[in-house]
Amino acid sequence: MRSAAREAAAGGGGAGVVGRAARRASRRRKSAAVPPDALRRVLPQALVVAFLAGGTSAFVVHDKAVRLDIDGVPRTLHTFADDVTELLADEGVTVGAHDHIAPAPGAELANGEEVVVRYGRPLALTLDGHRRRVWTTARTVEGALGRLGVRAQGAYLSLPRASAIPRAGLALDVRTERTVTFLADGRERTIRTNAATVGEALAQAGIVLHGDDTASVSLGSFPRDGQTVTVLRITAHEQVREEPVPYETVRTEDPALFRGTEVVDEQGRQGVRRITYAVRTVNGVRQKPRPIRAETLRRPVTQRIRVGTKAMPTSVAGADGLNWRGLAACESGGRPGAVDASGNYGGLYQFDVGTWQALGGSGRPQNASAEEQTFRAKKLYVQRGASPWPHCGRRLTG
C-alpha cells in the first residue's frame, strides 16, 4: 500500500482504490425490483454516478492519518496501509529481531494511530568483572542501565550517564558499589567501594602495605560484595645452618674372609652442608623455614666394607669338646660384640687385636662372627693352653 500523496502522484492508484469501493457498493445495491428494459436504459448512467460517488467515499474511508515515531523522531502522515507491517514497508522502515515496534507488527491500523519504532543497540557490558553482550532500545547509558536493572547509584561507569548509544552499539564497563571488610592490625574496617581490585580498595580504606605485606586474597582480584579480606603483616629474614650429610656404605664380598666376618677397609665420614633458610613471621606467628640456598662445605666419605663368604671350620684338633660356652660366659657374658672398659680387648673371649690378627683374624675380634671367634680361640688354646684366660680358663674343663 502507498500513502495518499504517492497515490495521487501515481495517477492510476486512486482509480484502483475507487474501483474496489465501487464494486463493494454495487454488491450492496438491490436491483431485483427494476424491470429489465429500464435496467438496460439506466445502467450506463448509474455506473457513472456510482463510480464517482463510490470512488470518493472509498478514498475517504481508506485514508488514515497516523503518527509514526522512529527512534524518537515523530512525524504525522496519511496512509492507505491496513496494518503496521504494511505501513513500515511503505515507509521503507526495516526492523530486526532486537527492535521494538508498538503496536506489534501485523496489528490493524486505525485513523489517529501512533506507531513507535525503537531500534535495538548492542551493548558490550562488563558488569563487576563479568563481560556479556546485551541488546537495549535505550538511547542513553543511563536509560540502558535502568532497563537492565543495574544499580547505578555509587557505581563506576566508564562513560558518562548521558552518553548516547549509537545504532552500532558501544562498550560499557560498570562496577557497582560493594561492601568490603578488612581485618588489619587487630582492627576491622568496612567500606563501600566500586574499586576494580582488592589493592585499590585497601588504599581507599586507608590501609598501607609495607615490605612483604600482602592479603588473604590476591591484591589484583575483584572485590566481591560482602567479602572479608585479612591483611597479612609479614616480616622476613634469613637463617643459616650447618647440617650433616649422611655417608653411603658399600659392601663387597670377600671369599678370603670367613662367612659372618666383616672388615671395614675405609671408615665412612659424614659431610657438612651449609643451608640458608628464609624465615617469615605472619601477623606475629613464625612460619616453617623454607630453604633457599645450599652450599657443600665437606663431601661425605663412603664407608667400604668387605664381607666374608668363606665357610668357617668348626673343628680344631685338641680343642674340641671343651666348654667354650662357659668360657665365653665368664669372659664377655656371652656377647660377641663385647669390648672391655679399656677398649683393648673384645669379643666372646676378649682377644687383644694383636693376638687376634696373629691367629689369622682380620680387623677387630668383636666384629667377627661368634663361630669365627670360637674357631680362633680353639687355635689359641692349642698353642698356649688356658693361660690367655687366667681367671676364666678353668671353665673350659670345669
Protein backbone atom coordinates (compact mmCIF):
# COMPACT_ATOMS: atom_id res chain seq x y z
CA MET A 1 0.00 0.00 0.00
CA ARG A 2 1.21 3.52 -0.74
CA SER A 3 0.43 6.81 1.02
CA ALA A 4 -2.24 9.17 -0.32
CA ALA A 5 0.38 11.58 -1.64
CA ARG A 6 2.05 8.74 -3.53
CA GLU A 7 -1.29 7.52 -4.77
CA ALA A 8 -2.09 10.96 -6.23
CA ALA A 9 1.33 11.23 -7.82
CA ALA A 10 0.99 7.78 -9.33
CA GLY A 11 -2.17 8.81 -11.17
CA GLY A 12 -3.82 5.39 -11.54
CA GLY A 13 -3.56 4.32 -7.90
CA GLY A 14 -6.66 6.31 -6.78
CA ALA A 15 -8.76 4.74 -9.55
CA GLY A 16 -7.79 1.30 -8.23
CA VAL A 17 -8.97 2.16 -4.73
CA VAL A 18 -12.18 3.77 -6.12
CA GLY A 19 -12.77 0.70 -8.28
CA ARG A 20 -12.63 -1.58 -5.29
CA ALA A 21 -15.00 0.68 -3.35
CA ALA A 22 -17.41 0.80 -6.34
CA ARG A 23 -17.53 -2.96 -6.57
CA ARG A 24 -18.30 -3.26 -2.85
CA ALA A 25 -21.07 -0.61 -3.21
CA SER A 26 -22.59 -2.25 -6.26
CA ARG A 27 -22.89 -5.54 -4.42
CA ARG A 28 -24.99 -3.84 -1.78
CA ARG A 29 -27.49 -2.45 -4.28
CA LYS A 30 -30.70 -4.28 -4.84
CA SER A 31 -31.75 -4.42 -8.47
CA ALA A 32 -34.47 -7.11 -8.40
CA ALA A 33 -37.33 -4.52 -8.44
CA VAL A 34 -36.15 -2.78 -11.62
CA PRO A 35 -37.62 -4.03 -14.93
CA PRO A 36 -35.08 -5.43 -17.36
CA ASP A 37 -35.72 -2.79 -20.04
CA ALA A 38 -35.43 0.05 -17.59
CA LEU A 39 -32.29 -1.50 -16.17
CA ARG A 40 -30.70 -1.51 -19.62
CA ARG A 41 -31.60 2.17 -20.07
CA VAL A 42 -30.39 3.48 -16.75
CA LEU A 43 -27.39 1.18 -16.20
CA PRO A 44 -24.77 3.31 -18.00
CA GLN A 45 -25.82 6.46 -16.15
CA ALA A 46 -25.97 4.59 -12.84
CA LEU A 47 -22.49 3.15 -13.30
CA VAL A 48 -21.03 6.59 -13.89
CA VAL A 49 -22.73 8.04 -10.84
CA ALA A 50 -21.75 5.03 -8.70
CA PHE A 51 -18.14 5.21 -9.88
CA LEU A 52 -17.82 8.87 -8.96
CA ALA A 53 -19.68 8.66 -5.66
CA GLY A 54 -18.18 5.32 -4.62
CA GLY A 55 -14.63 6.27 -5.54
CA THR A 56 -14.77 9.43 -3.45
CA SER A 57 -16.19 7.65 -0.40
CA ALA A 58 -13.63 4.80 -0.67
CA PHE A 59 -10.81 7.30 -0.86
CA VAL A 60 -12.06 9.00 2.28
CA VAL A 61 -12.68 5.74 4.18
CA HIS A 62 -9.25 4.15 3.46
CA ASP A 63 -7.09 7.23 4.03
CA LYS A 64 -5.76 7.30 7.63
CA ALA A 65 -3.80 9.93 9.50
CA VAL A 66 -1.16 8.22 11.72
CA ARG A 67 1.77 9.34 13.84
CA LEU A 68 5.00 7.43 13.17
CA ASP A 69 7.78 7.75 15.78
CA ILE A 70 11.11 6.37 14.54
CA ASP A 71 13.65 6.20 17.36
CA GLY A 72 12.35 9.38 19.00
CA VAL A 73 11.77 11.33 15.78
CA PRO A 74 7.98 11.65 15.25
CA ARG A 75 6.05 12.71 12.16
CA THR A 76 2.42 12.60 11.06
CA LEU A 77 1.45 11.13 7.68
CA HIS A 78 -1.51 9.82 5.66
CA THR A 79 -1.57 6.20 4.55
CA PHE A 80 -3.84 3.57 2.98
CA ALA A 81 -1.93 0.75 4.82
CA ASP A 82 -4.18 -1.79 6.55
CA ASP A 83 -1.70 -2.84 9.30
CA VAL A 84 1.61 -1.90 10.96
CA THR A 85 3.71 -4.21 8.80
CA GLU A 86 2.31 -2.65 5.62
CA LEU A 87 2.88 0.86 6.95
CA LEU A 88 6.53 0.19 7.78
CA ALA A 89 7.10 -1.41 4.39
CA ASP A 90 5.51 1.58 2.63
CA GLU A 91 7.72 3.94 4.58
CA GLY A 92 10.89 1.93 3.94
CA VAL A 93 11.44 1.20 7.63
CA THR A 94 13.46 -2.00 8.12
CA VAL A 95 13.30 -3.64 11.55
CA GLY A 96 15.24 -6.53 13.12
CA ALA A 97 14.81 -9.13 15.87
CA HIS A 98 16.12 -6.80 18.58
CA ASP A 99 13.96 -3.79 17.60
CA HIS A 100 10.79 -2.83 19.45
CA ILE A 101 7.60 -2.00 17.48
CA ALA A 102 4.33 -0.90 19.08
CA PRO A 103 1.65 -1.82 18.15
CA ALA A 104 3.13 -5.19 17.18
CA PRO A 105 3.77 -5.96 13.51
CA GLY A 106 0.56 -7.19 11.82
CA ALA A 107 -1.70 -5.15 14.12
CA GLU A 108 -4.57 -3.37 12.26
CA LEU A 109 -4.15 0.37 11.76
CA ALA A 110 -6.84 2.86 12.73
CA ASN A 111 -7.15 6.53 11.99
CA GLY A 112 -5.18 8.54 14.58
CA GLU A 113 -2.96 5.55 15.49
CA GLU A 114 0.57 6.12 16.85
CA VAL A 115 3.25 3.63 15.72
CA VAL A 116 6.51 3.62 17.67
CA VAL A 117 9.76 2.01 16.47
CA ARG A 118 12.77 1.73 18.78
CA TYR A 119 15.93 0.28 17.28
CA GLY A 120 17.91 -2.27 19.30
CA ARG A 121 21.51 -1.37 20.13
CA PRO A 122 24.24 -3.91 21.09
CA LEU A 123 26.00 -3.25 24.38
CA ALA A 124 29.30 -4.95 25.34
CA LEU A 125 28.67 -4.74 29.07
CA THR A 126 31.32 -5.61 31.65
CA LEU A 127 29.47 -5.69 34.97
CA ASP A 128 31.57 -6.23 38.09
CA GLY A 129 34.22 -8.07 36.10
CA HIS A 130 31.80 -10.28 34.10
CA ARG A 131 31.51 -9.46 30.40
CA ARG A 132 28.41 -10.18 28.31
CA ARG A 133 26.68 -8.85 25.18
CA VAL A 134 23.18 -7.45 25.65
CA TRP A 135 20.69 -5.55 23.50
CA THR A 136 18.79 -2.43 24.52
CA THR A 137 16.42 0.00 22.87
CA ALA A 138 17.50 2.77 25.25
CA ARG A 139 19.30 5.63 23.58
CA THR A 140 21.49 6.65 26.54
CA VAL A 141 23.76 4.85 29.01
CA GLU A 142 21.54 5.83 31.93
CA GLY A 143 18.43 4.53 30.17
CA ALA A 144 20.11 1.22 29.31
CA LEU A 145 21.24 0.65 32.90
CA GLY A 146 17.73 1.33 34.14
CA ARG A 147 16.16 -1.16 31.73
CA LEU A 148 18.79 -3.78 32.56
CA GLY A 149 18.15 -3.37 36.28
CA VAL A 150 21.74 -2.38 37.06
CA ARG A 151 22.14 -0.44 40.31
CA ALA A 152 23.95 2.67 39.12
CA GLN A 153 23.96 4.66 42.37
CA GLY A 154 27.55 4.93 43.59
CA ALA A 155 28.76 2.84 40.64
CA TYR A 156 31.78 3.49 38.46
CA LEU A 157 30.88 3.99 34.79
CA SER A 158 33.42 4.06 32.00
CA LEU A 159 31.17 6.53 30.13
CA PRO A 160 29.04 9.44 31.37
CA ARG A 161 25.41 8.52 32.13
CA ALA A 162 24.13 10.93 29.48
CA SER A 163 26.27 9.37 26.73
CA ALA A 164 24.26 8.45 23.63
CA ILE A 165 24.29 4.85 22.46
CA PRO A 166 24.70 4.74 18.65
CA ARG A 167 22.95 2.16 16.47
CA ALA A 168 26.29 0.32 16.18
CA GLY A 169 26.42 -0.01 19.97
CA LEU A 170 29.28 0.59 22.39
CA ALA A 171 31.36 -0.98 25.20
CA LEU A 172 30.50 -0.09 28.80
CA ASP A 173 32.34 -1.02 32.00
CA VAL A 174 30.27 -0.84 35.19
CA ARG A 175 31.47 -1.51 38.73
CA THR A 176 28.65 -1.35 41.24
CA GLU A 177 29.20 -0.21 44.80
CA ARG A 178 30.02 -3.09 47.15
CA THR A 179 30.63 -3.62 50.87
CA VAL A 180 34.09 -4.99 51.74
CA THR A 181 35.51 -5.63 55.22
CA PHE A 182 39.24 -5.55 56.00
CA LEU A 183 40.86 -7.12 59.08
CA ALA A 184 44.19 -5.39 59.70
CA ASP A 185 46.35 -4.77 62.76
CA GLY A 186 43.69 -6.12 65.10
CA ARG A 187 41.00 -3.80 63.72
CA GLU A 188 38.00 -4.29 61.45
CA ARG A 189 37.23 -1.70 58.74
CA THR A 190 34.17 -1.87 56.47
CA ILE A 191 33.88 0.39 53.40
CA ARG A 192 31.57 0.91 50.41
CA THR A 193 33.63 0.84 47.23
CA ASN A 194 33.44 0.50 43.46
CA ALA A 195 37.16 -0.32 43.23
CA ALA A 196 38.40 -2.61 40.47
CA THR A 197 40.90 -4.50 42.67
CA VAL A 198 41.36 -5.52 46.30
CA GLY A 199 44.57 -3.47 46.35
CA GLU A 200 42.67 -0.35 45.26
CA ALA A 201 40.01 -0.96 47.92
CA LEU A 202 42.74 -1.36 50.56
CA ALA A 203 44.08 2.07 49.67
CA GLN A 204 40.56 3.54 49.90
CA ALA A 205 40.29 2.04 53.41
CA GLY A 206 43.48 3.84 54.40
CA ILE A 207 45.47 0.62 54.90
CA VAL A 208 49.11 0.77 53.81
CA LEU A 209 51.15 -2.32 52.99
CA HIS A 210 54.88 -2.35 53.79
CA GLY A 211 57.66 -4.59 52.53
CA ASP A 212 56.40 -8.15 52.15
CA ASP A 213 52.90 -7.40 53.48
CA THR A 214 50.02 -8.87 51.47
CA ALA A 215 46.40 -10.00 51.86
CA SER A 216 44.50 -13.27 52.23
CA VAL A 217 43.34 -12.90 48.60
CA SER A 218 45.21 -11.67 45.54
CA LEU A 219 45.61 -7.88 45.57
CA GLY A 220 44.71 -7.88 41.85
CA SER A 221 41.46 -9.82 42.33
CA PHE A 222 38.00 -8.24 42.06
CA PRO A 223 36.49 -7.33 45.46
CA ARG A 224 33.12 -9.09 45.92
CA ASP A 225 30.17 -7.70 47.82
CA GLY A 226 30.25 -8.84 51.47
CA GLN A 227 33.83 -10.10 51.17
CA THR A 228 36.16 -10.15 54.21
CA VAL A 229 39.88 -9.68 53.49
CA THR A 230 42.63 -10.26 56.07
CA VAL A 231 45.78 -8.16 55.80
CA LEU A 232 48.93 -10.21 56.42
CA ARG A 233 51.76 -8.30 58.09
CA ILE A 234 54.93 -10.13 57.14
CA THR A 235 58.49 -9.83 58.42
CA ALA A 236 61.22 -11.89 56.80
CA HIS A 237 64.86 -12.72 57.49
CA GLU A 238 67.42 -15.38 56.61
CA GLN A 239 68.84 -18.08 58.87
CA VAL A 240 72.00 -20.12 58.15
CA ARG A 241 72.52 -23.66 59.47
CA GLU A 242 75.26 -26.25 59.02
CA GLU A 243 73.79 -29.73 58.68
CA PRO A 244 75.42 -33.20 58.37
CA VAL A 245 75.26 -35.10 55.09
CA PRO A 246 74.99 -38.91 55.62
CA TYR A 247 77.59 -41.12 54.00
CA GLU A 248 76.91 -44.23 51.90
CA THR A 249 78.07 -47.75 52.78
CA VAL A 250 79.38 -50.10 50.09
CA ARG A 251 79.68 -53.80 50.95
CA THR A 252 81.91 -56.10 48.85
CA GLU A 253 82.04 -59.90 49.16
CA ASP A 254 85.48 -61.35 50.01
CA PRO A 255 85.97 -65.12 49.59
CA ALA A 256 89.15 -64.93 51.69
CA LEU A 257 87.23 -63.99 54.80
CA PHE A 258 85.12 -66.44 56.76
CA ARG A 259 81.37 -66.13 56.43
CA GLY A 260 79.98 -63.73 59.04
CA THR A 261 83.16 -61.65 59.11
CA GLU A 262 83.10 -58.00 58.03
CA VAL A 263 86.19 -55.88 57.64
CA VAL A 264 85.93 -52.09 57.35
CA ASP A 265 88.54 -51.02 54.81
CA GLU A 266 87.55 -47.35 54.83
CA GLN A 267 85.61 -45.71 57.60
CA GLY A 268 82.71 -43.58 56.43
CA ARG A 269 82.52 -39.93 57.38
CA GLN A 270 79.60 -37.53 57.25
CA GLY A 271 79.78 -34.48 55.08
CA VAL A 272 78.74 -30.95 56.02
CA ARG A 273 76.32 -28.69 54.13
CA ARG A 274 75.50 -25.05 54.83
CA ILE A 275 71.82 -24.23 54.17
CA THR A 276 70.26 -20.78 54.13
CA TYR A 277 66.60 -20.64 55.14
CA ALA A 278 64.04 -17.90 54.58
CA VAL A 279 62.15 -17.35 57.82
CA ARG A 280 58.83 -15.48 57.81
CA THR A 281 56.59 -14.22 60.56
CA VAL A 282 52.95 -13.64 59.54
CA ASN A 283 50.89 -11.50 61.89
CA GLY A 284 53.33 -12.40 64.67
CA VAL A 285 53.29 -16.17 64.00
CA ARG A 286 56.57 -17.79 62.90
CA GLN A 287 56.21 -19.93 59.78
CA LYS A 288 58.14 -23.08 58.86
CA PRO A 289 61.58 -22.06 57.49
CA ARG A 290 61.98 -22.54 53.74
CA PRO A 291 65.42 -23.47 52.26
CA ILE A 292 66.55 -21.04 49.58
CA ARG A 293 70.30 -21.80 49.16
CA ALA A 294 72.62 -24.73 49.88
CA GLU A 295 76.44 -24.99 49.86
CA THR A 296 78.52 -28.13 50.44
CA LEU A 297 81.39 -27.50 52.88
CA ARG A 298 82.68 -31.09 53.06
CA ARG A 299 81.68 -34.05 50.96
CA PRO A 300 80.79 -37.31 52.75
CA VAL A 301 83.27 -40.23 52.60
CA THR A 302 81.82 -43.59 51.57
CA GLN A 303 82.31 -46.43 54.04
CA ARG A 304 83.68 -49.58 52.40
CA ILE A 305 83.28 -52.99 54.00
CA ARG A 306 84.44 -56.45 52.92
CA VAL A 307 82.05 -59.26 53.77
CA GLY A 308 83.38 -62.80 54.15
CA THR A 309 81.89 -65.64 52.16
CA LYS A 310 84.35 -68.46 53.07
CA ALA A 311 82.88 -71.37 55.03
CA MET A 312 84.03 -71.31 58.65
CA PRO A 313 85.71 -74.54 60.01
CA THR A 314 84.42 -75.54 63.39
CA SER A 315 86.82 -78.27 64.46
CA VAL A 316 90.35 -77.85 65.81
CA ALA A 317 92.16 -81.00 66.95
CA GLY A 318 92.98 -80.90 70.64
CA ALA A 319 90.41 -78.21 71.47
CA ASP A 320 87.08 -79.78 70.56
CA GLY A 321 84.89 -80.98 73.39
CA LEU A 322 85.87 -78.18 75.82
CA ASN A 323 83.33 -75.89 77.46
CA TRP A 324 83.78 -72.91 75.16
CA ARG A 325 80.30 -71.59 76.01
CA GLY A 326 81.25 -71.48 79.70
CA LEU A 327 84.49 -69.61 78.89
CA ALA A 328 82.62 -67.05 76.79
CA ALA A 329 80.03 -66.51 79.52
CA CYS A 330 82.81 -65.80 82.00
CA GLU A 331 84.86 -63.51 79.73
CA SER A 332 82.16 -61.44 77.98
CA GLY A 333 78.79 -62.54 79.29
CA GLY A 334 78.39 -64.50 76.03
CA ARG A 335 78.29 -61.32 73.86
CA PRO A 336 80.26 -61.50 70.57
CA GLY A 337 80.49 -57.70 70.29
CA ALA A 338 81.60 -57.07 73.88
CA VAL A 339 84.52 -54.64 74.50
CA ASP A 340 86.20 -54.15 77.87
CA ALA A 341 86.39 -50.76 79.59
CA SER A 342 89.93 -50.09 78.34
CA GLY A 343 88.94 -50.75 74.74
CA ASN A 344 91.89 -53.12 74.27
CA TYR A 345 90.03 -56.42 74.42
CA GLY A 346 86.93 -57.52 72.56
CA GLY A 347 84.68 -60.36 71.50
CA LEU A 348 83.44 -63.53 73.24
CA TYR A 349 86.90 -64.42 74.53
CA GLN A 350 88.32 -60.89 74.94
CA PHE A 351 91.11 -61.06 72.37
CA ASP A 352 93.51 -58.16 72.01
CA VAL A 353 93.89 -57.04 68.40
CA GLY A 354 97.48 -58.28 68.06
CA THR A 355 96.65 -61.82 69.21
CA TRP A 356 93.55 -61.89 67.03
CA GLN A 357 95.39 -60.93 63.88
CA ALA A 358 98.25 -63.34 64.70
CA LEU A 359 95.69 -66.14 64.66
CA GLY A 360 94.61 -65.10 61.13
CA GLY A 361 91.75 -62.81 62.08
CA SER A 362 91.05 -59.55 60.24
CA GLY A 363 90.05 -56.26 61.73
CA ARG A 364 88.90 -56.40 65.35
CA PRO A 365 87.68 -59.56 67.07
CA GLN A 366 84.37 -58.08 68.23
CA ASN A 367 83.41 -57.50 64.58
CA ALA A 368 83.79 -61.19 63.64
CA SER A 369 81.08 -63.80 63.90
CA ALA A 370 80.71 -65.94 67.04
CA GLU A 371 81.75 -69.04 65.06
CA GLU A 372 85.00 -67.42 63.87
CA GLN A 373 85.81 -66.17 67.36
CA THR A 374 85.35 -69.68 68.79
CA PHE A 375 87.45 -71.20 65.98
CA ARG A 376 90.36 -68.85 66.66
CA ALA A 377 90.04 -69.30 70.44
CA LYS A 378 90.45 -73.04 69.89
CA LYS A 379 93.62 -72.37 67.84
CA LEU A 380 94.94 -70.17 70.64
CA TYR A 381 94.23 -72.91 73.19
CA VAL A 382 96.19 -75.44 71.12
CA GLN A 383 99.15 -73.03 71.11
CA ARG A 384 99.08 -71.78 74.72
CA GLY A 385 96.53 -73.76 76.64
CA ALA A 386 94.22 -71.88 79.07
CA SER A 387 96.87 -69.30 80.01
CA PRO A 388 95.39 -66.48 77.85
CA TRP A 389 92.42 -66.60 80.20
CA PRO A 390 93.95 -66.63 83.68
CA HIS A 391 90.71 -66.01 85.56
CA CYS A 392 88.19 -67.90 83.43
CA GLY A 393 90.33 -70.60 81.77
CA ARG A 394 89.29 -73.21 84.35
CA ARG A 395 85.76 -73.06 82.89
CA LEU A 396 86.98 -74.95 79.83
CA THR A 397 87.29 -78.14 81.84
CA GLY A 398 85.05 -77.38 84.79
